[in-house]
Amino acid sequence: MLSCGDTVFDDIKDLQPDLILMDVMLAGMDGREICKSIKENHLTNLLPVILISGTHDLAESLLLPGGPNDFVAKPFDIDHLLARVEKQLVAC
């Protein structure tokens, strides 16, 4: 589990996750900006990122540079979320 956006690259280096599942609304931070930083870094740009949001329609962001690999709208069915995660892990 990543602790906060300020240390995201240290956390990725330490934990070596296969995927990042992150809410858009974080305490004092925007998950979209963290995602963009991850996707623009040559060391982490291949790491799949799935953003979750109950307030933002992220469909258009999938096409933008620095956008997530996928998104899930809240509320969501756990089986739907797991299918999205599996799809990204298989694509790696």
C-alpha atoms as a PDB file:
ATOM      1  CA  MET A   1       0.000   0.000   0.000  1.00  0.00           C
ATOM      2  CA  LEU A   2       1.376   3.382  -0.978  1.00  0.00           C
ATOM      3  CA  SER A   3       1.378   5.830   1.907  1.00  0.00           C
ATOM      4  CA  CYS A   4       1.013   9.231   0.240  1.00  0.00           C
ATOM      5  CA  GLY A   5       1.615  11.062  -3.007  1.00  0.00           C
ATOM      6  CA  ASP A   6       4.728  12.812  -1.719  1.00  0.00           C
ATOM      7  CA  THR A   7       6.598   9.531  -1.448  1.00  0.00           C
ATOM      8  CA  VAL A   8       5.035   7.653  -4.354  1.00  0.00           C
ATOM      9  CA  PHE A   9       8.316   6.945  -6.165  1.00  0.00           C
ATOM     10  CA  ASP A  10      10.054   5.794  -2.982  1.00  0.00           C
ATOM     11  CA  ASP A  11       7.061   3.586  -2.204  1.00  0.00           C
ATOM     12  CA  ILE A  12       7.064   2.103  -5.713  1.00  0.00           C
ATOM     13  CA  LYS A  13      10.795   1.393  -5.445  1.00  0.00           C
ATOM     14  CA  ASP A  14      10.405  -0.227  -2.011  1.00  0.00           C
ATOM     15  CA  LEU A  15       7.212  -2.195  -2.634  1.00  0.00           C
ATOM     16  CA  GLN A  16       7.589  -2.952  -6.359  1.00  0.00           C
ATOM     17  CA  PRO A  17       3.827  -3.224  -6.959  1.00  0.00           C
ATOM     18  CA  ASP A  18       2.395  -4.931 -10.018  1.00  0.00           C
ATOM     19  CA  LEU A  19      -0.400  -2.346 -10.216  1.00  0.00           C
ATOM     20  CA  ILE A  20      -1.544   0.844  -8.501  1.00  0.00           C
ATOM     21  CA  LEU A  21      -5.196   1.245  -7.544  1.00  0.00           C
ATOM     22  CA  MET A  22      -5.761   4.822  -6.432  1.00  0.00           C
ATOM     23  CA  ASP A  23      -8.666   7.125  -5.667  1.00  0.00           C
ATOM     24  CA  VAL A  24      -8.806  10.490  -7.408  1.00  0.00           C
ATOM     25  CA  MET A  25      -9.692  12.308  -4.190  1.00  0.00           C
ATOM     26  CA  LEU A  26      -6.814  11.976  -1.747  1.00  0.00           C
ATOM     27  CA  ALA A  27      -6.157  14.028   1.374  1.00  0.00           C
ATOM     28  CA  GLY A  28      -4.613  17.210   0.038  1.00  0.00           C
ATOM     29  CA  MET A  29      -3.658  15.614  -3.274  1.00  0.00           C
ATOM     30  CA  ASP A  30      -5.184  14.731  -6.630  1.00  0.00           C
ATOM     31  CA  GLY A  31      -4.765  11.133  -7.749  1.00  0.00           C
ATOM     32  CA  ARG A  32      -4.807  12.258 -11.387  1.00  0.00           C
ATOM     33  CA  GLU A  33      -1.659  14.328 -10.814  1.00  0.00           C
ATOM     34  CA  ILE A  34       0.084  11.430  -9.071  1.00  0.00           C
ATOM     35  CA  CYS A  35      -0.928   9.150 -11.958  1.00  0.00           C
ATOM     36  CA  LYS A  36       0.482  11.656 -14.454  1.00  0.00           C
ATOM     37  CA  SER A  37       3.778  11.758 -12.551  1.00  0.00           C
ATOM     38  CA  ILE A  38       3.955   7.965 -12.575  1.00  0.00           C
ATOM     39  CA  LYS A  39       3.182   7.764 -16.292  1.00  0.00           C
ATOM     40  CA  GLU A  40       5.678  10.482 -17.237  1.00  0.00           C
ATOM     41  CA  ASN A  41       8.564   8.888 -15.322  1.00  0.00           C
ATOM     42  CA  HIS A  42      10.622   6.525 -17.487  1.00  0.00           C
ATOM     43  CA  LEU A  43      11.155   4.191 -14.515  1.00  0.00           C
ATOM     44  CA  THR A  44       7.448   3.751 -13.734  1.00  0.00           C
ATOM     45  CA  ASN A  45       5.558   4.527 -16.943  1.00  0.00           C
ATOM     46  CA  LEU A  46       4.776   0.866 -17.641  1.00  0.00           C
ATOM     47  CA  LEU A  47       3.229   0.337 -14.194  1.00  0.00           C
ATOM     48  CA  PRO A  48      -0.548  -0.024 -14.645  1.00  0.00           C
ATOM     49  CA  VAL A  49      -2.611   2.570 -12.787  1.00  0.00           C
ATOM     50  CA  ILE A  50      -6.350   2.251 -12.176  1.00  0.00           C
ATOM     51  CA  LEU A  51      -8.050   5.339 -10.798  1.00  0.00           C
ATOM     52  CA  ILE A  52     -11.278   5.214  -8.799  1.00  0.00           C
ATOM     53  CA  SER A  53     -13.716   8.091  -8.545  1.00  0.00           C
ATOM     54  CA  GLY A  54     -17.223   8.787  -7.383  1.00  0.00           C
ATOM     55  CA  THR A  55     -17.222  12.373  -8.590  1.00  0.00           C
ATOM     56  CA  HIS A  56     -15.211  12.496 -11.817  1.00  0.00           C
ATOM     57  CA  ASP A  57     -15.869  10.922 -15.214  1.00  0.00           C
ATOM     58  CA  LEU A  58     -12.438   9.670 -16.169  1.00  0.00           C
ATOM     59  CA  ALA A  59     -13.271   8.101 -19.551  1.00  0.00           C
ATOM     60  CA  GLU A  60     -11.627  10.946 -21.470  1.00  0.00           C
ATOM     61  CA  SER A  61      -8.492  10.803 -19.324  1.00  0.00           C
ATOM     62  CA  LEU A  62      -7.717   7.315 -20.650  1.00  0.00           C
ATOM     63  CA  LEU A  63      -6.745   8.906 -23.952  1.00  0.00           C
ATOM     64  CA  LEU A  64      -4.591  11.708 -22.534  1.00  0.00           C
ATOM     65  CA  PRO A  65      -0.827  11.580 -22.035  1.00  0.00           C
ATOM     66  CA  GLY A  66      -0.177  10.656 -18.405  1.00  0.00           C
ATOM     67  CA  GLY A  67      -3.647   9.179 -18.062  1.00  0.00           C
ATOM     68  CA  PRO A  68      -4.486   5.998 -16.167  1.00  0.00           C
ATOM     69  CA  ASN A  69      -4.658   2.597 -17.798  1.00  0.00           C
ATOM     70  CA  ASP A  70      -8.241   2.240 -16.613  1.00  0.00           C
ATOM     71  CA  PHE A  71     -10.770   3.702 -14.213  1.00  0.00           C
ATOM     72  CA  VAL A  72     -13.620   2.469 -12.060  1.00  0.00           C
ATOM     73  CA  ALA A  73     -16.577   4.631 -11.046  1.00  0.00           C
ATOM     74  CA  LYS A  74     -17.960   4.511  -7.504  1.00  0.00           C
ATOM     75  CA  PRO A  75     -19.990   2.846  -6.312  1.00  0.00           C
ATOM     76  CA  PHE A  76     -18.649  -0.301  -7.907  1.00  0.00           C
ATOM     77  CA  ASP A  77     -19.253  -4.001  -7.736  1.00  0.00           C
ATOM     78  CA  ILE A  78     -16.212  -5.842  -6.353  1.00  0.00           C
ATOM     79  CA  ASP A  79     -16.347  -8.353  -9.201  1.00  0.00           C
ATOM     80  CA  HIS A  80     -16.186  -5.490 -11.700  1.00  0.00           C
ATOM     81  CA  LEU A  81     -13.166  -4.030  -9.914  1.00  0.00           C
ATOM     82  CA  LEU A  82     -11.407  -7.390  -9.784  1.00  0.00           C
ATOM     83  CA  ALA A  83     -12.055  -7.919 -13.508  1.00  0.00           C
ATOM     84  CA  ARG A  84     -10.452  -4.529 -14.286  1.00  0.00           C
ATOM     85  CA  VAL A  85      -7.448  -5.364 -12.116  1.00  0.00           C
ATOM     86  CA  GLU A  86      -7.058  -8.778 -13.751  1.00  0.00           C
ATOM     87  CA  LYS A  87      -7.280  -7.216 -17.229  1.00  0.00           C
ATOM     88  CA  GLN A  88      -4.411  -4.858 -16.428  1.00  0.00           C
ATOM     89  CA  LEU A  89      -2.256  -7.549 -14.823  1.00  0.00           C
ATOM     90  CA  VAL A  90      -2.702  -9.860 -17.803  1.00  0.00           C
ATOM     91  CA  ALA A  91      -1.800  -7.023 -20.187  1.00  0.00           C
ATOM     92  CA  CYS A  92       1.556  -6.464 -18.474  1.00  0.00           C
END
